[in-house]
């Protein structure tokens, strides 16, 4: 059973929109899309360190979401919808 990350994607998109960083975020996400699995493993490796300093309740879901490039594409698509409305 594949987990749905729509709520997490929505939170990420909302935060990017709040910061008005749609264009830089799209450029960044497009550039890391081929390396999304490697990036997720980077976050797995640093999880003990990050959790000892910060408390992120969705941290594990975040890096699991990054394992699938389709989720990165969903974020980009959502950001482009809002960017086109401006």
PDB file of N, CA and C in Angstrom:
ATOM      1  N   UNK A   1       0.848  -1.183   0.000  1.00  0.00           N
ATOM      2  CA  UNK A   1       0.000   0.000   0.000  1.00  0.00           C
ATOM      3  C   UNK A   1       0.893   1.247   0.000  1.00  0.00           C
ATOM      4  N   UNK A   2       0.668   2.097  -0.963  1.00  0.00           N
ATOM      5  CA  UNK A   2       1.462   3.309  -1.090  1.00  0.00           C
ATOM      6  C   UNK A   2       0.819   4.442  -0.298  1.00  0.00           C
ATOM      7  N   UNK A   3       1.626   5.121   0.473  1.00  0.00           N
ATOM      8  CA  UNK A   3       1.122   6.214   1.310  1.00  0.00           C
ATOM      9  C   UNK A   3       0.870   7.448   0.455  1.00  0.00           C
ATOM     10  N   UNK A   4      -0.179   8.164   0.784  1.00  0.00           N
ATOM     11  CA  UNK A   4      -0.499   9.422   0.098  1.00  0.00           C
ATOM     12  C   UNK A   4       0.151  10.563   0.854  1.00  0.00           C
ATOM     13  N   UNK A   5       0.709  11.478   0.100  1.00  0.00           N
ATOM     14  CA  UNK A   5       1.411  12.607   0.700  1.00  0.00           C
ATOM     15  C   UNK A   5       0.755  13.938   0.351  1.00  0.00           C
ATOM     16  N   UNK A   6      -0.511  13.908  -0.042  1.00  0.00           N
ATOM     17  CA  UNK A   6      -1.190  15.128  -0.467  1.00  0.00           C
ATOM     18  C   UNK A   6      -1.201  16.205   0.612  1.00  0.00           C
ATOM     19  N   UNK A   7      -1.419  15.809   1.855  1.00  0.00           N
ATOM     20  CA  UNK A   7      -1.434  16.801   2.937  1.00  0.00           C
ATOM     21  C   UNK A   7      -0.065  17.436   3.139  1.00  0.00           C
ATOM     22  N   UNK A   8       0.981  16.639   3.051  1.00  0.00           N
ATOM     23  CA  UNK A   8       2.339  17.149   3.202  1.00  0.00           C
ATOM     24  C   UNK A   8       2.717  18.046   2.023  1.00  0.00           C
ATOM     25  N   UNK A   9       2.342  17.636   0.829  1.00  0.00           N
ATOM     26  CA  UNK A   9       2.589  18.446  -0.363  1.00  0.00           C
ATOM     27  C   UNK A   9       1.870  19.783  -0.240  1.00  0.00           C
ATOM     28  N   UNK A  10       0.640  19.751   0.248  1.00  0.00           N
ATOM     29  CA  UNK A  10      -0.123  20.989   0.433  1.00  0.00           C
ATOM     30  C   UNK A  10       0.566  21.931   1.420  1.00  0.00           C
ATOM     31  N   UNK A  11       1.097  21.387   2.513  1.00  0.00           N
ATOM     32  CA  UNK A  11       1.800  22.208   3.500  1.00  0.00           C
ATOM     33  C   UNK A  11       3.058  22.836   2.896  1.00  0.00           C
ATOM     34  N   UNK A  12       3.793  22.053   2.127  1.00  0.00           N
ATOM     35  CA  UNK A  12       5.015  22.556   1.502  1.00  0.00           C
ATOM     36  C   UNK A  12       4.688  23.664   0.514  1.00  0.00           C
ATOM     37  N   UNK A  13       3.685  23.440  -0.324  1.00  0.00           N
ATOM     38  CA  UNK A  13       3.283  24.440  -1.318  1.00  0.00           C
ATOM     39  C   UNK A  13       2.802  25.707  -0.627  1.00  0.00           C
ATOM     40  N   UNK A  14       1.997  25.563   0.416  1.00  0.00           N
ATOM     41  CA  UNK A  14       1.490  26.730   1.134  1.00  0.00           C
ATOM     42  C   UNK A  14       2.629  27.541   1.729  1.00  0.00           C
ATOM     43  N   UNK A  15       3.608  26.870   2.302  1.00  0.00           N
ATOM     44  CA  UNK A  15       4.748  27.578   2.901  1.00  0.00           C
ATOM     45  C   UNK A  15       5.564  28.317   1.839  1.00  0.00           C
ATOM     46  N   UNK A  16       5.785  27.687   0.709  1.00  0.00           N
ATOM     47  CA  UNK A  16       6.514  28.330  -0.389  1.00  0.00           C
ATOM     48  C   UNK A  16       5.749  29.552  -0.890  1.00  0.00           C
ATOM     49  N   UNK A  17       4.429  29.424  -1.009  1.00  0.00           N
ATOM     50  CA  UNK A  17       3.612  30.551  -1.460  1.00  0.00           C
ATOM     51  C   UNK A  17       3.608  31.678  -0.436  1.00  0.00           C
ATOM     52  N   UNK A  18       3.563  31.328   0.846  1.00  0.00           N
ATOM     53  CA  UNK A  18       3.608  32.349   1.902  1.00  0.00           C
ATOM     54  C   UNK A  18       4.896  33.160   1.842  1.00  0.00           C
ATOM     55  N   UNK A  19       5.977  32.482   1.491  1.00  0.00           N
ATOM     56  CA  UNK A  19       7.284  33.148   1.400  1.00  0.00           C
ATOM     57  C   UNK A  19       7.511  33.812   0.034  1.00  0.00           C
ATOM     58  N   UNK A  20       6.542  33.624  -0.878  1.00  0.00           N
ATOM     59  CA  UNK A  20       6.614  34.172  -2.244  1.00  0.00           C
ATOM     60  C   UNK A  20       7.883  33.711  -2.963  1.00  0.00           C
ATOM     61  N   UNK A  21       8.159  32.425  -2.864  1.00  0.00           N
ATOM     62  CA  UNK A  21       9.343  31.844  -3.490  1.00  0.00           C
ATOM     63  C   UNK A  21       8.988  30.795  -4.544  1.00  0.00           C
ATOM     64  N   UNK A  22       7.878  31.023  -5.255  1.00  0.00           N
ATOM     65  CA  UNK A  22       7.417  30.026  -6.220  1.00  0.00           C
ATOM     66  C   UNK A  22       8.457  29.743  -7.301  1.00  0.00           C
ATOM     67  N   UNK A  23       8.968  30.789  -7.945  1.00  0.00           N
ATOM     68  CA  UNK A  23       9.902  30.598  -9.062  1.00  0.00           C
ATOM     69  C   UNK A  23      11.206  29.950  -8.600  1.00  0.00           C
ATOM     70  N   UNK A  24      11.871  30.463  -7.543  1.00  0.00           N
ATOM     71  CA  UNK A  24      13.092  29.768  -7.099  1.00  0.00           C
ATOM     72  C   UNK A  24      12.830  28.327  -6.666  1.00  0.00           C
ATOM     73  N   UNK A  25      11.682  28.077  -6.057  1.00  0.00           N
ATOM     74  CA  UNK A  25      11.360  26.718  -5.611  1.00  0.00           C
ATOM     75  C   UNK A  25      11.177  25.784  -6.804  1.00  0.00           C
ATOM     76  N   UNK A  26      10.493  26.266  -7.841  1.00  0.00           N
ATOM     77  CA  UNK A  26      10.297  25.448  -9.041  1.00  0.00           C
ATOM     78  C   UNK A  26      11.642  25.134  -9.688  1.00  0.00           C
ATOM     79  N   UNK A  27      12.500  26.138  -9.808  1.00  0.00           N
ATOM     80  CA  UNK A  27      13.828  25.909 -10.387  1.00  0.00           C
ATOM     81  C   UNK A  27      14.630  24.901  -9.569  1.00  0.00           C
ATOM     82  N   UNK A  28      14.591  25.057  -8.255  1.00  0.00           N
ATOM     83  CA  UNK A  28      15.311  24.147  -7.375  1.00  0.00           C
ATOM     84  C   UNK A  28      14.767  22.721  -7.489  1.00  0.00           C
ATOM     85  N   UNK A  29      13.448  22.580  -7.440  1.00  0.00           N
ATOM     86  CA  UNK A  29      12.841  21.248  -7.498  1.00  0.00           C
ATOM     87  C   UNK A  29      13.099  20.569  -8.839  1.00  0.00           C
ATOM     88  N   UNK A  30      13.036  21.341  -9.925  1.00  0.00           N
ATOM     89  CA  UNK A  30      13.336  20.768 -11.240  1.00  0.00           C
ATOM     90  C   UNK A  30      14.777  20.279 -11.308  1.00  0.00           C
ATOM     91  N   UNK A  31      15.674  21.022 -10.678  1.00  0.00           N
ATOM     92  CA  UNK A  31      17.091  20.636 -10.738  1.00  0.00           C
ATOM     93  C   UNK A  31      17.407  19.419  -9.866  1.00  0.00           C
ATOM     94  N   UNK A  32      16.675  19.221  -8.775  1.00  0.00           N
ATOM     95  CA  UNK A  32      16.969  18.069  -7.907  1.00  0.00           C
ATOM     96  C   UNK A  32      16.103  16.846  -8.210  1.00  0.00           C
ATOM     97  N   UNK A  33      15.128  16.996  -9.092  1.00  0.00           N
ATOM     98  CA  UNK A  33      14.227  15.878  -9.376  1.00  0.00           C
ATOM     99  C   UNK A  33      14.971  14.595  -9.738  1.00  0.00           C
ATOM    100  N   UNK A  34      16.013  14.644 -10.580  1.00  0.00           N
ATOM    101  CA  UNK A  34      16.723  13.392 -10.897  1.00  0.00           C
ATOM    102  C   UNK A  34      17.441  12.776  -9.695  1.00  0.00           C
ATOM    103  N   UNK A  35      17.709  13.577  -8.691  1.00  0.00           N
ATOM    104  CA  UNK A  35      18.447  13.104  -7.518  1.00  0.00           C
ATOM    105  C   UNK A  35      17.559  12.955  -6.285  1.00  0.00           C
ATOM    106  N   UNK A  36      16.260  12.880  -6.486  1.00  0.00           N
ATOM    107  CA  UNK A  36      15.342  12.879  -5.341  1.00  0.00           C
ATOM    108  C   UNK A  36      15.572  11.695  -4.409  1.00  0.00           C
ATOM    109  N   UNK A  37      15.863  10.527  -4.961  1.00  0.00           N
ATOM    110  CA  UNK A  37      16.094   9.366  -4.097  1.00  0.00           C
ATOM    111  C   UNK A  37      17.369   9.553  -3.278  1.00  0.00           C
ATOM    112  N   UNK A  38      18.411  10.055  -3.917  1.00  0.00           N
ATOM    113  CA  UNK A  38      19.668  10.303  -3.198  1.00  0.00           C
ATOM    114  C   UNK A  38      19.445  11.336  -2.095  1.00  0.00           C
ATOM    115  N   UNK A  39      18.676  12.371  -2.410  1.00  0.00           N
ATOM    116  CA  UNK A  39      18.371  13.394  -1.402  1.00  0.00           C
ATOM    117  C   UNK A  39      17.615  12.791  -0.226  1.00  0.00           C
ATOM    118  N   UNK A  40      16.678  11.898  -0.520  1.00  0.00           N
ATOM    119  CA  UNK A  40      15.925  11.277   0.573  1.00  0.00           C
ATOM    120  C   UNK A  40      16.850  10.465   1.473  1.00  0.00           C
ATOM    121  N   UNK A  41      17.843   9.800   0.883  1.00  0.00           N
ATOM    122  CA  UNK A  41      18.783   9.015   1.682  1.00  0.00           C
ATOM    123  C   UNK A  41      19.691   9.912   2.517  1.00  0.00           C
ATOM    124  N   UNK A  42      19.991  11.085   2.008  1.00  0.00           N
ATOM    125  CA  UNK A  42      20.740  12.087   2.769  1.00  0.00           C
ATOM    126  C   UNK A  42      19.967  12.447   4.041  1.00  0.00           C
ATOM    127  N   UNK A  43      18.647  12.677   3.887  1.00  0.00           N
ATOM    128  CA  UNK A  43      17.813  13.017   5.040  1.00  0.00           C
ATOM    129  C   UNK A  43      17.699  11.846   6.016  1.00  0.00           C
ATOM    130  N   UNK A  44      17.676  10.622   5.510  1.00  0.00           N
ATOM    131  CA  UNK A  44      17.644   9.441   6.381  1.00  0.00           C
ATOM    132  C   UNK A  44      18.920   9.386   7.220  1.00  0.00           C
ATOM    133  N   UNK A  45      20.054   9.613   6.568  1.00  0.00           N
ATOM    134  CA  UNK A  45      21.340   9.559   7.263  1.00  0.00           C
ATOM    135  C   UNK A  45      21.413  10.585   8.392  1.00  0.00           C
ATOM    136  N   UNK A  46      20.918  11.799   8.140  1.00  0.00           N
ATOM    137  CA  UNK A  46      21.022  12.861   9.130  1.00  0.00           C
ATOM    138  C   UNK A  46      19.846  12.925  10.110  1.00  0.00           C
ATOM    139  N   UNK A  47      18.896  12.006   9.997  1.00  0.00           N
ATOM    140  CA  UNK A  47      17.729  12.020  10.882  1.00  0.00           C
ATOM    141  C   UNK A  47      18.083  12.033  12.364  1.00  0.00           C
ATOM    142  N   UNK A  48      18.983  11.190  12.845  1.00  0.00           N
ATOM    143  CA  UNK A  48      19.290  11.224  14.293  1.00  0.00           C
ATOM    144  C   UNK A  48      19.836  12.575  14.754  1.00  0.00           C
ATOM    145  N   UNK A  49      20.659  13.186  13.924  1.00  0.00           N
ATOM    146  CA  UNK A  49      21.233  14.478  14.283  1.00  0.00           C
ATOM    147  C   UNK A  49      20.172  15.579  14.285  1.00  0.00           C
ATOM    148  N   UNK A  50      19.363  15.580  13.249  1.00  0.00           N
ATOM    149  CA  UNK A  50      18.342  16.619  13.119  1.00  0.00           C
ATOM    150  C   UNK A  50      17.282  16.474  14.206  1.00  0.00           C
ATOM    151  N   UNK A  51      16.853  15.248  14.477  1.00  0.00           N
ATOM    152  CA  UNK A  51      15.837  15.038  15.511  1.00  0.00           C
ATOM    153  C   UNK A  51      16.362  15.325  16.914  1.00  0.00           C
ATOM    154  N   UNK A  52      17.659  15.253  17.105  1.00  0.00           N
ATOM    155  CA  UNK A  52      18.199  15.586  18.419  1.00  0.00           C
ATOM    156  C   UNK A  52      18.214  17.093  18.658  1.00  0.00           C
ATOM    157  N   UNK A  53      18.201  17.855  17.577  1.00  0.00           N
ATOM    158  CA  UNK A  53      18.224  19.320  17.693  1.00  0.00           C
ATOM    159  C   UNK A  53      16.833  19.925  17.520  1.00  0.00           C
ATOM    160  N   UNK A  54      16.109  19.434  16.522  1.00  0.00           N
ATOM    161  CA  UNK A  54      14.778  19.956  16.203  1.00  0.00           C
ATOM    162  C   UNK A  54      13.749  18.855  16.364  1.00  0.00           C
ATOM    163  N   UNK A  55      12.497  19.258  16.503  1.00  0.00           N
ATOM    164  CA  UNK A  55      11.435  18.252  16.546  1.00  0.00           C
ATOM    165  C   UNK A  55      10.511  18.471  15.349  1.00  0.00           C
ATOM    166  N   UNK A  56      10.672  17.612  14.362  1.00  0.00           N
ATOM    167  CA  UNK A  56       9.829  17.649  13.171  1.00  0.00           C
ATOM    168  C   UNK A  56       8.972  16.402  13.168  1.00  0.00           C
ATOM    169  N   UNK A  57       7.678  16.584  13.336  1.00  0.00           N
ATOM    170  CA  UNK A  57       6.817  15.405  13.396  1.00  0.00           C
ATOM    171  C   UNK A  57       6.623  14.753  12.031  1.00  0.00           C
ATOM    172  N   UNK A  58       6.781  15.515  10.939  1.00  0.00           N
ATOM    173  CA  UNK A  58       6.608  14.968   9.594  1.00  0.00           C
ATOM    174  C   UNK A  58       7.936  14.686   8.901  1.00  0.00           C
ATOM    175  N   UNK A  59       9.023  14.699   9.624  1.00  0.00           N
ATOM    176  CA  UNK A  59      10.346  14.543   9.012  1.00  0.00           C
ATOM    177  C   UNK A  59      10.475  13.216   8.261  1.00  0.00           C
ATOM    178  N   UNK A  60      10.078  12.134   8.895  1.00  0.00           N
ATOM    179  CA  UNK A  60      10.190  10.823   8.258  1.00  0.00           C
ATOM    180  C   UNK A  60       9.291  10.726   7.026  1.00  0.00           C
ATOM    181  N   UNK A  61       8.096  11.264   7.114  1.00  0.00           N
ATOM    182  CA  UNK A  61       7.203  11.275   5.950  1.00  0.00           C
ATOM    183  C   UNK A  61       7.790  12.114   4.825  1.00  0.00           C
ATOM    184  N   UNK A  62       8.474  13.206   5.193  1.00  0.00           N
ATOM    185  CA  UNK A  62       9.072  14.089   4.200  1.00  0.00           C
ATOM    186  C   UNK A  62      10.125  13.352   3.383  1.00  0.00           C
ATOM    187  N   UNK A  63      11.052  12.678   4.046  1.00  0.00           N
ATOM    188  CA  UNK A  63      12.085  12.014   3.252  1.00  0.00           C
ATOM    189  C   UNK A  63      11.551  10.789   2.516  1.00  0.00           C
ATOM    190  N   UNK A  64      10.523  10.148   3.033  1.00  0.00           N
ATOM    191  CA  UNK A  64       9.910   9.048   2.285  1.00  0.00           C
ATOM    192  C   UNK A  64       9.191   9.580   1.043  1.00  0.00           C
ATOM    193  N   UNK A  65       8.613  10.766   1.172  1.00  0.00           N
ATOM    194  CA  UNK A  65       7.951  11.387   0.033  1.00  0.00           C
ATOM    195  C   UNK A  65       8.965  11.692  -1.070  1.00  0.00           C
ATOM    196  N   UNK A  66      10.168  12.110  -0.690  1.00  0.00           N
ATOM    197  CA  UNK A  66      11.197  12.454  -1.667  1.00  0.00           C
ATOM    198  C   UNK A  66      11.685  11.260  -2.478  1.00  0.00           C
ATOM    199  N   UNK A  67      11.493  10.058  -1.972  1.00  0.00           N
ATOM    200  CA  UNK A  67      11.961   8.872  -2.684  1.00  0.00           C
ATOM    201  C   UNK A  67      11.299   8.714  -4.046  1.00  0.00           C
ATOM    202  N   UNK A  68      10.104   9.240  -4.200  1.00  0.00           N
ATOM    203  CA  UNK A  68       9.361   9.111  -5.455  1.00  0.00           C
ATOM    204  C   UNK A  68       9.366  10.443  -6.200  1.00  0.00           C
ATOM    205  N   UNK A  69       9.910  10.458  -7.392  1.00  0.00           N
ATOM    206  CA  UNK A  69       9.982  11.686  -8.193  1.00  0.00           C
ATOM    207  C   UNK A  69       8.609  12.256  -8.512  1.00  0.00           C
ATOM    208  N   UNK A  70       7.613  11.397  -8.546  1.00  0.00           N
ATOM    209  CA  UNK A  70       6.253  11.865  -8.848  1.00  0.00           C
ATOM    210  C   UNK A  70       5.774  12.875  -7.807  1.00  0.00           C
ATOM    211  N   UNK A  71       6.186  12.708  -6.571  1.00  0.00           N
ATOM    212  CA  UNK A  71       5.790  13.658  -5.525  1.00  0.00           C
ATOM    213  C   UNK A  71       6.445  15.019  -5.741  1.00  0.00           C
ATOM    214  N   UNK A  72       7.689  15.018  -6.206  1.00  0.00           N
ATOM    215  CA  UNK A  72       8.355  16.279  -6.532  1.00  0.00           C
ATOM    216  C   UNK A  72       7.599  16.962  -7.672  1.00  0.00           C
ATOM    217  N   UNK A  73       7.197  16.169  -8.652  1.00  0.00           N
ATOM    218  CA  UNK A  73       6.450  16.708  -9.791  1.00  0.00           C
ATOM    219  C   UNK A  73       5.104  17.286  -9.336  1.00  0.00           C
ATOM    220  N   UNK A  74       4.461  16.647  -8.375  1.00  0.00           N
ATOM    221  CA  UNK A  74       3.187  17.164  -7.851  1.00  0.00           C
ATOM    222  C   UNK A  74       3.382  18.533  -7.203  1.00  0.00           C
ATOM    223  N   UNK A  75       4.462  18.687  -6.453  1.00  0.00           N
ATOM    224  CA  UNK A  75       4.752  19.987  -5.823  1.00  0.00           C
ATOM    225  C   UNK A  75       4.948  21.045  -6.904  1.00  0.00           C
ATOM    226  N   UNK A  76       5.727  20.703  -7.916  1.00  0.00           N
ATOM    227  CA  UNK A  76       5.986  21.651  -9.008  1.00  0.00           C
ATOM    228  C   UNK A  76       4.688  22.032  -9.710  1.00  0.00           C
ATOM    229  N   UNK A  77       3.840  21.055  -9.983  1.00  0.00           N
ATOM    230  CA  UNK A  77       2.561  21.320 -10.656  1.00  0.00           C
ATOM    231  C   UNK A  77       1.679  22.250  -9.825  1.00  0.00           C
ATOM    232  N   UNK A  78       1.630  22.007  -8.520  1.00  0.00           N
ATOM    233  CA  UNK A  78       0.823  22.869  -7.643  1.00  0.00           C
ATOM    234  C   UNK A  78       1.367  24.295  -7.621  1.00  0.00           C
ATOM    235  N   UNK A  79       2.676  24.435  -7.569  1.00  0.00           N
ATOM    236  CA  UNK A  79       3.285  25.766  -7.571  1.00  0.00           C
ATOM    237  C   UNK A  79       3.031  26.479  -8.893  1.00  0.00           C
ATOM    238  N   UNK A  80       3.083  25.746  -9.996  1.00  0.00           N
ATOM    239  CA  UNK A  80       2.852  26.360 -11.307  1.00  0.00           C
ATOM    240  C   UNK A  80       1.402  26.829 -11.464  1.00  0.00           C
ATOM    241  N   UNK A  81       0.473  26.114 -10.847  1.00  0.00           N
ATOM    242  CA  UNK A  81      -0.933  26.561 -10.886  1.00  0.00           C
ATOM    243  C   UNK A  81      -1.070  27.951 -10.272  1.00  0.00           C
ATOM    244  N   UNK A  82      -0.443  28.141  -9.121  1.00  0.00           N
ATOM    245  CA  UNK A  82      -0.531  29.433  -8.440  1.00  0.00           C
ATOM    246  C   UNK A  82       0.293  30.507  -9.142  1.00  0.00           C
ATOM    247  N   UNK A  83       1.428  30.123  -9.705  1.00  0.00           N
ATOM    248  CA  UNK A  83       2.284  31.071 -10.408  1.00  0.00           C
ATOM    249  C   UNK A  83       1.563  31.609 -11.645  1.00  0.00           C
ATOM    250  N   UNK A  84       0.832  30.746 -12.329  1.00  0.00           N
ATOM    251  CA  UNK A  84       0.108  31.151 -13.546  1.00  0.00           C
ATOM    252  C   UNK A  84      -1.077  32.051 -13.252  1.00  0.00           C
ATOM    253  N   UNK A  85      -1.604  31.981 -12.032  1.00  0.00           N
ATOM    254  CA  UNK A  85      -2.754  32.802 -11.655  1.00  0.00           C
ATOM    255  C   UNK A  85      -2.384  34.263 -11.419  1.00  0.00           C
ATOM    256  N   UNK A  86      -1.094  34.525 -11.226  1.00  0.00           N
ATOM    257  CA  UNK A  86      -0.657  35.898 -10.946  1.00  0.00           C
ATOM    258  C   UNK A  86      -0.628  36.741 -12.187  1.00  0.00           C
TER     259      UNK A  86
END
